[in-house]
């Protein structure tokens, strides 16, 4: 047997998948403007990120980047703790 670099990732915690979550939320979102979806799934349109963050704050929720490669990136207002 060889111990090459290709293999199966082993979780450090039993019962938990080995996951690197790179989802941008709130102030981690670097785009100048984003397409925003509200908690009910309605599109609010393209907003400056600072305004999208304020809107999410008004809902008491997080702004989560769900489609970072779109132009502009798509963000949804949601409870990130429940999304993960």
C-alpha atoms as a PDB file:
ATOM      1  CA  UNK A   1       0.000   0.000   0.000  1.00  0.00           C
ATOM      2  CA  UNK A   2       1.073   3.542  -0.627  1.00  0.00           C
ATOM      3  CA  UNK A   3       0.161   6.576   1.377  1.00  0.00           C
ATOM      4  CA  UNK A   4      -0.297   9.038  -1.484  1.00  0.00           C
ATOM      5  CA  UNK A   5      -2.001  12.404  -1.150  1.00  0.00           C
ATOM      6  CA  UNK A   6      -5.276  11.257  -2.719  1.00  0.00           C
ATOM      7  CA  UNK A   7      -7.561   9.651  -0.205  1.00  0.00           C
ATOM      8  CA  UNK A   8     -10.538  10.092   2.020  1.00  0.00           C
ATOM      9  CA  UNK A   9     -10.764  13.058   4.347  1.00  0.00           C
ATOM     10  CA  UNK A  10     -11.160  11.902   7.911  1.00  0.00           C
ATOM     11  CA  UNK A  11     -13.242  13.945  10.299  1.00  0.00           C
ATOM     12  CA  UNK A  12     -11.524  14.993  13.507  1.00  0.00           C
ATOM     13  CA  UNK A  13     -14.785  14.749  15.441  1.00  0.00           C
ATOM     14  CA  UNK A  14     -16.774  11.513  15.400  1.00  0.00           C
ATOM     15  CA  UNK A  15     -20.192  11.933  13.856  1.00  0.00           C
ATOM     16  CA  UNK A  16     -19.354  15.271  12.218  1.00  0.00           C
ATOM     17  CA  UNK A  17     -18.468  15.580   8.542  1.00  0.00           C
ATOM     18  CA  UNK A  18     -15.126  17.145   7.633  1.00  0.00           C
ATOM     19  CA  UNK A  19     -16.480  20.401   6.209  1.00  0.00           C
ATOM     20  CA  UNK A  20     -14.816  23.680   5.414  1.00  0.00           C
ATOM     21  CA  UNK A  21     -17.607  26.220   5.274  1.00  0.00           C
ATOM     22  CA  UNK A  22     -16.608  29.190   3.150  1.00  0.00           C
ATOM     23  CA  UNK A  23     -20.029  30.779   2.964  1.00  0.00           C
ATOM     24  CA  UNK A  24     -19.743  34.549   3.250  1.00  0.00           C
ATOM     25  CA  UNK A  25     -22.164  36.139   5.683  1.00  0.00           C
ATOM     26  CA  UNK A  26     -22.815  39.725   6.731  1.00  0.00           C
ATOM     27  CA  UNK A  27     -19.603  41.815   6.757  1.00  0.00           C
ATOM     28  CA  UNK A  28     -17.639  39.004   5.045  1.00  0.00           C
ATOM     29  CA  UNK A  29     -19.487  39.786   1.785  1.00  0.00           C
ATOM     30  CA  UNK A  30     -17.076  41.837  -0.352  1.00  0.00           C
ATOM     31  CA  UNK A  31     -19.226  42.705  -3.388  1.00  0.00           C
ATOM     32  CA  UNK A  32     -20.249  46.363  -3.729  1.00  0.00           C
ATOM     33  CA  UNK A  33     -23.809  45.346  -4.606  1.00  0.00           C
ATOM     34  CA  UNK A  34     -25.815  42.148  -4.351  1.00  0.00           C
ATOM     35  CA  UNK A  35     -29.124  40.715  -5.539  1.00  0.00           C
ATOM     36  CA  UNK A  36     -31.211  40.256  -2.395  1.00  0.00           C
ATOM     37  CA  UNK A  37     -33.884  37.678  -1.599  1.00  0.00           C
ATOM     38  CA  UNK A  38     -35.983  38.273   1.511  1.00  0.00           C
ATOM     39  CA  UNK A  39     -36.874  35.557   4.072  1.00  0.00           C
ATOM     40  CA  UNK A  40     -40.113  34.743   2.198  1.00  0.00           C
ATOM     41  CA  UNK A  41     -38.263  34.193  -1.093  1.00  0.00           C
ATOM     42  CA  UNK A  42     -39.217  37.495  -2.735  1.00  0.00           C
ATOM     43  CA  UNK A  43     -36.575  39.330  -4.732  1.00  0.00           C
ATOM     44  CA  UNK A  44     -35.828  42.779  -3.354  1.00  0.00           C
ATOM     45  CA  UNK A  45     -33.621  43.599  -6.332  1.00  0.00           C
ATOM     46  CA  UNK A  46     -30.013  44.680  -6.619  1.00  0.00           C
ATOM     47  CA  UNK A  47     -28.926  46.723  -3.611  1.00  0.00           C
ATOM     48  CA  UNK A  48     -25.663  48.188  -2.357  1.00  0.00           C
ATOM     49  CA  UNK A  49     -24.257  45.697   0.139  1.00  0.00           C
ATOM     50  CA  UNK A  50     -24.455  48.189   3.012  1.00  0.00           C
ATOM     51  CA  UNK A  51     -28.199  48.605   2.361  1.00  0.00           C
ATOM     52  CA  UNK A  52     -28.712  44.828   2.081  1.00  0.00           C
ATOM     53  CA  UNK A  53     -26.963  44.427   5.444  1.00  0.00           C
ATOM     54  CA  UNK A  54     -29.223  47.078   6.989  1.00  0.00           C
ATOM     55  CA  UNK A  55     -32.300  45.317   5.582  1.00  0.00           C
ATOM     56  CA  UNK A  56     -31.160  41.980   7.036  1.00  0.00           C
ATOM     57  CA  UNK A  57     -30.583  43.705  10.370  1.00  0.00           C
ATOM     58  CA  UNK A  58     -34.123  45.135  10.241  1.00  0.00           C
ATOM     59  CA  UNK A  59     -35.404  41.541   9.951  1.00  0.00           C
ATOM     60  CA  UNK A  60     -33.118  40.471  12.819  1.00  0.00           C
ATOM     61  CA  UNK A  61     -31.447  37.990  10.452  1.00  0.00           C
ATOM     62  CA  UNK A  62     -28.199  37.443   8.537  1.00  0.00           C
ATOM     63  CA  UNK A  63     -27.294  38.289   4.955  1.00  0.00           C
ATOM     64  CA  UNK A  64     -25.968  35.044   3.431  1.00  0.00           C
ATOM     65  CA  UNK A  65     -24.210  34.860   0.060  1.00  0.00           C
ATOM     66  CA  UNK A  66     -25.843  31.851  -1.612  1.00  0.00           C
ATOM     67  CA  UNK A  67     -24.551  32.307  -5.158  1.00  0.00           C
ATOM     68  CA  UNK A  68     -21.160  34.051  -5.013  1.00  0.00           C
ATOM     69  CA  UNK A  69     -20.298  33.487  -8.692  1.00  0.00           C
ATOM     70  CA  UNK A  70     -23.406  35.220 -10.050  1.00  0.00           C
ATOM     71  CA  UNK A  71     -23.110  38.788 -11.298  1.00  0.00           C
ATOM     72  CA  UNK A  72     -23.992  40.401  -8.953  1.00  0.00           C
ATOM     73  CA  UNK A  73     -23.740  37.759  -6.202  1.00  0.00           C
ATOM     74  CA  UNK A  74     -27.066  36.510  -4.848  1.00  0.00           C
ATOM     75  CA  UNK A  75     -27.681  36.888  -1.123  1.00  0.00           C
ATOM     76  CA  UNK A  76     -30.593  35.725   0.978  1.00  0.00           C
ATOM     77  CA  UNK A  77     -31.787  37.171   4.251  1.00  0.00           C
ATOM     78  CA  UNK A  78     -32.050  34.220   6.646  1.00  0.00           C
ATOM     79  CA  UNK A  79     -31.018  32.782   9.986  1.00  0.00           C
ATOM     80  CA  UNK A  80     -27.539  31.486   9.128  1.00  0.00           C
ATOM     81  CA  UNK A  81     -27.517  29.157  12.136  1.00  0.00           C
ATOM     82  CA  UNK A  82     -30.452  27.234  10.637  1.00  0.00           C
ATOM     83  CA  UNK A  83     -28.974  27.300   7.102  1.00  0.00           C
ATOM     84  CA  UNK A  84     -25.740  25.549   8.016  1.00  0.00           C
END
